[in-house]
Amino acid sequence: MLNDAKIEEFLKEVNELLNEIKNEQTKLTENVEQYHKVNMRNFEKLKDFNEICDMTNQVFETRLSNIEQILKEKLMKA
């Protein structure tokens, strides 16, 4: 009887620990999913920002190219 009570108490403690571990894993999984969503949103914002930068750079490159061409033409005439 005494051994059965000890075994039963031990099993209860093990089950409590397993439940704690399970709950902790569930919380960690939820946190990872949340951080993943936040990271994906941030990556999307970075992608949009980079696209805007690329478009801006293209505009400036075109303007600079036009200015260089005008300067070359003026130098040729002089």
N, C-alpha and C. Protein backbone atom coordinates (compact mmCIF):
# COMPACT_ATOMS: atom_id res chain seq x y z
N MET A 1 0.81 -1.20 0.00
CA MET A 1 0.00 0.00 0.00
C MET A 1 0.85 1.26 0.00
N LEU A 2 1.88 1.25 0.83
CA LEU A 2 2.73 2.43 0.94
C LEU A 2 3.42 2.71 -0.39
N ASN A 3 3.90 1.64 -1.04
CA ASN A 3 4.55 1.80 -2.33
C ASN A 3 3.57 2.29 -3.39
N ASP A 4 2.35 1.78 -3.35
CA ASP A 4 1.32 2.22 -4.30
C ASP A 4 1.03 3.70 -4.11
N ALA A 5 0.96 4.16 -2.89
CA ALA A 5 0.70 5.58 -2.61
C ALA A 5 1.86 6.43 -3.11
N LYS A 6 3.09 5.95 -2.90
CA LYS A 6 4.25 6.69 -3.37
C LYS A 6 4.27 6.75 -4.90
N ILE A 7 3.98 5.64 -5.52
CA ILE A 7 3.96 5.60 -6.98
C ILE A 7 2.87 6.53 -7.51
N GLU A 8 1.72 6.49 -6.89
CA GLU A 8 0.61 7.35 -7.32
C GLU A 8 0.97 8.83 -7.16
N GLU A 9 1.60 9.17 -6.05
CA GLU A 9 2.02 10.55 -5.81
C GLU A 9 3.09 10.96 -6.84
N PHE A 10 4.00 10.05 -7.10
CA PHE A 10 5.04 10.31 -8.09
C PHE A 10 4.43 10.54 -9.47
N LEU A 11 3.47 9.71 -9.84
CA LEU A 11 2.80 9.86 -11.14
C LEU A 11 2.05 11.18 -11.24
N LYS A 12 1.43 11.60 -10.15
CA LYS A 12 0.73 12.89 -10.14
C LYS A 12 1.73 14.03 -10.37
N GLU A 13 2.87 13.96 -9.70
CA GLU A 13 3.90 14.99 -9.87
C GLU A 13 4.44 15.01 -11.30
N VAL A 14 4.66 13.82 -11.84
CA VAL A 14 5.15 13.73 -13.22
C VAL A 14 4.11 14.32 -14.18
N ASN A 15 2.84 14.00 -13.97
CA ASN A 15 1.77 14.54 -14.82
C ASN A 15 1.69 16.06 -14.71
N GLU A 16 1.85 16.59 -13.50
CA GLU A 16 1.85 18.04 -13.32
C GLU A 16 3.00 18.68 -14.08
N LEU A 17 4.17 18.07 -13.98
CA LEU A 17 5.32 18.60 -14.71
C LEU A 17 5.11 18.52 -16.22
N LEU A 18 4.55 17.41 -16.67
CA LEU A 18 4.28 17.28 -18.10
C LEU A 18 3.28 18.33 -18.57
N ASN A 19 2.26 18.59 -17.75
CA ASN A 19 1.28 19.62 -18.10
C ASN A 19 1.93 21.00 -18.14
N GLU A 20 2.82 21.27 -17.19
CA GLU A 20 3.53 22.56 -17.20
C GLU A 20 4.38 22.70 -18.46
N ILE A 21 5.07 21.62 -18.82
CA ILE A 21 5.90 21.64 -20.02
C ILE A 21 5.02 21.85 -21.26
N LYS A 22 3.90 21.17 -21.31
CA LYS A 22 2.97 21.30 -22.43
C LYS A 22 2.47 22.74 -22.54
N ASN A 23 2.08 23.33 -21.41
CA ASN A 23 1.60 24.70 -21.41
C ASN A 23 2.69 25.67 -21.84
N GLU A 24 3.90 25.44 -21.37
CA GLU A 24 5.02 26.30 -21.75
C GLU A 24 5.30 26.19 -23.24
N GLN A 25 5.25 24.99 -23.78
CA GLN A 25 5.46 24.81 -25.22
C GLN A 25 4.37 25.51 -26.02
N THR A 26 3.15 25.44 -25.53
CA THR A 26 2.04 26.11 -26.21
C THR A 26 2.26 27.62 -26.23
N LYS A 27 2.68 28.17 -25.09
CA LYS A 27 2.95 29.61 -25.02
C LYS A 27 4.09 29.99 -25.95
N LEU A 28 5.14 29.18 -25.96
CA LEU A 28 6.28 29.46 -26.84
C LEU A 28 5.86 29.42 -28.31
N THR A 29 5.05 28.45 -28.65
CA THR A 29 4.57 28.34 -30.03
C THR A 29 3.76 29.57 -30.42
N GLU A 30 2.89 30.01 -29.51
CA GLU A 30 2.08 31.20 -29.78
C GLU A 30 2.98 32.43 -29.95
N ASN A 31 4.00 32.55 -29.10
CA ASN A 31 4.93 33.68 -29.21
C ASN A 31 5.69 33.65 -30.53
N VAL A 32 6.14 32.47 -30.91
CA VAL A 32 6.88 32.33 -32.16
C VAL A 32 5.98 32.72 -33.34
N GLU A 33 4.73 32.28 -33.32
CA GLU A 33 3.81 32.63 -34.39
C GLU A 33 3.57 34.13 -34.44
N GLN A 34 3.42 34.74 -33.28
CA GLN A 34 3.20 36.18 -33.23
C GLN A 34 4.42 36.93 -33.76
N TYR A 35 5.62 36.54 -33.33
CA TYR A 35 6.84 37.20 -33.80
C TYR A 35 7.03 36.98 -35.30
N HIS A 36 6.65 35.81 -35.76
CA HIS A 36 6.75 35.53 -37.19
C HIS A 36 5.86 36.49 -37.99
N LYS A 37 4.64 36.68 -37.52
CA LYS A 37 3.72 37.60 -38.19
C LYS A 37 4.28 39.02 -38.20
N VAL A 38 4.81 39.44 -37.06
CA VAL A 38 5.39 40.79 -36.97
C VAL A 38 6.58 40.92 -37.91
N ASN A 39 7.43 39.92 -37.93
CA ASN A 39 8.60 39.94 -38.81
C ASN A 39 8.19 39.97 -40.29
N MET A 40 7.17 39.21 -40.64
CA MET A 40 6.72 39.19 -42.02
C MET A 40 6.16 40.56 -42.43
N ARG A 41 5.43 41.20 -41.53
CA ARG A 41 4.93 42.56 -41.82
C ARG A 41 6.10 43.52 -42.00
N ASN A 42 7.10 43.41 -41.13
CA ASN A 42 8.27 44.28 -41.24
C ASN A 42 9.03 44.03 -42.54
N PHE A 43 9.14 42.78 -42.94
CA PHE A 43 9.82 42.46 -44.20
C PHE A 43 9.04 43.04 -45.38
N GLU A 44 7.73 42.99 -45.29
CA GLU A 44 6.90 43.55 -46.37
C GLU A 44 7.10 45.06 -46.45
N LYS A 45 7.17 45.72 -45.29
CA LYS A 45 7.42 47.17 -45.28
C LYS A 45 8.79 47.48 -45.86
N LEU A 46 9.79 46.69 -45.51
CA LEU A 46 11.13 46.88 -46.06
C LEU A 46 11.15 46.68 -47.58
N LYS A 47 10.42 45.69 -48.02
CA LYS A 47 10.33 45.44 -49.46
C LYS A 47 9.71 46.65 -50.16
N ASP A 48 8.62 47.17 -49.61
CA ASP A 48 7.98 48.35 -50.18
C ASP A 48 8.93 49.54 -50.17
N PHE A 49 9.63 49.73 -49.07
CA PHE A 49 10.58 50.83 -48.96
C PHE A 49 11.67 50.71 -50.02
N ASN A 50 12.18 49.50 -50.20
CA ASN A 50 13.23 49.27 -51.20
C ASN A 50 12.72 49.55 -52.61
N GLU A 51 11.48 49.17 -52.88
CA GLU A 51 10.91 49.45 -54.19
C GLU A 51 10.80 50.95 -54.42
N ILE A 52 10.38 51.67 -53.40
CA ILE A 52 10.29 53.13 -53.50
C ILE A 52 11.67 53.73 -53.72
N CYS A 53 12.65 53.23 -52.99
CA CYS A 53 14.04 53.72 -53.17
C CYS A 53 14.53 53.45 -54.58
N ASP A 54 14.22 52.28 -55.10
CA ASP A 54 14.64 51.95 -56.46
C ASP A 54 14.00 52.89 -57.47
N MET A 55 12.71 53.16 -57.30
CA MET A 55 12.04 54.09 -58.22
C MET A 55 12.64 55.49 -58.13
N THR A 56 12.91 55.92 -56.90
CA THR A 56 13.51 57.24 -56.71
C THR A 56 14.89 57.30 -57.35
N ASN A 57 15.66 56.26 -57.15
CA ASN A 57 17.00 56.21 -57.76
C ASN A 57 16.92 56.25 -59.28
N GLN A 58 15.95 55.58 -59.85
CA GLN A 58 15.80 55.60 -61.30
C GLN A 58 15.51 57.01 -61.80
N VAL A 59 14.65 57.72 -61.07
CA VAL A 59 14.32 59.09 -61.45
C VAL A 59 15.56 59.96 -61.38
N PHE A 60 16.31 59.86 -60.29
CA PHE A 60 17.52 60.67 -60.14
C PHE A 60 18.59 60.31 -61.16
N GLU A 61 18.71 59.02 -61.46
CA GLU A 61 19.68 58.60 -62.47
C GLU A 61 19.33 59.19 -63.83
N THR A 62 18.05 59.19 -64.15
CA THR A 62 17.61 59.78 -65.42
C THR A 62 17.90 61.27 -65.44
N ARG A 63 17.60 61.95 -64.36
CA ARG A 63 17.87 63.40 -64.29
C ARG A 63 19.36 63.68 -64.41
N LEU A 64 20.16 62.92 -63.67
CA LEU A 64 21.61 63.11 -63.74
C LEU A 64 22.14 62.84 -65.15
N SER A 65 21.62 61.81 -65.77
CA SER A 65 22.03 61.49 -67.12
C SER A 65 21.67 62.64 -68.07
N ASN A 66 20.49 63.21 -67.91
CA ASN A 66 20.08 64.35 -68.74
C ASN A 66 20.99 65.55 -68.49
N ILE A 67 21.30 65.82 -67.25
CA ILE A 67 22.19 66.94 -66.91
C ILE A 67 23.58 66.71 -67.52
N GLU A 68 24.10 65.48 -67.41
CA GLU A 68 25.40 65.17 -67.99
C GLU A 68 25.38 65.37 -69.50
N GLN A 69 24.30 64.95 -70.13
CA GLN A 69 24.19 65.09 -71.58
C GLN A 69 24.17 66.56 -71.98
N ILE A 70 23.41 67.37 -71.24
CA ILE A 70 23.35 68.81 -71.52
C ILE A 70 24.73 69.45 -71.34
N LEU A 71 25.41 69.08 -70.26
CA LEU A 71 26.76 69.62 -70.02
C LEU A 71 27.73 69.22 -71.13
N LYS A 72 27.65 67.99 -71.58
CA LYS A 72 28.52 67.53 -72.67
C LYS A 72 28.23 68.34 -73.93
N GLU A 73 26.95 68.54 -74.22
CA GLU A 73 26.57 69.31 -75.40
C GLU A 73 27.09 70.74 -75.31
N LYS A 74 26.99 71.36 -74.14
CA LYS A 74 27.46 72.74 -73.96
C LYS A 74 28.97 72.82 -74.07
N LEU A 75 29.67 71.81 -73.56
CA LEU A 75 31.12 71.77 -73.66
C LEU A 75 31.57 71.60 -75.10
N MET A 76 30.83 70.83 -75.87
CA MET A 76 31.16 70.60 -77.28
C MET A 76 31.00 71.89 -78.08
N LYS A 77 29.99 72.69 -77.73
CA LYS A 77 29.72 73.93 -78.44
C LYS A 77 30.76 75.00 -78.12
N ALA A 78 31.31 74.92 -76.90
CA ALA A 78 32.23 75.97 -76.45
C ALA A 78 33.59 75.84 -77.03
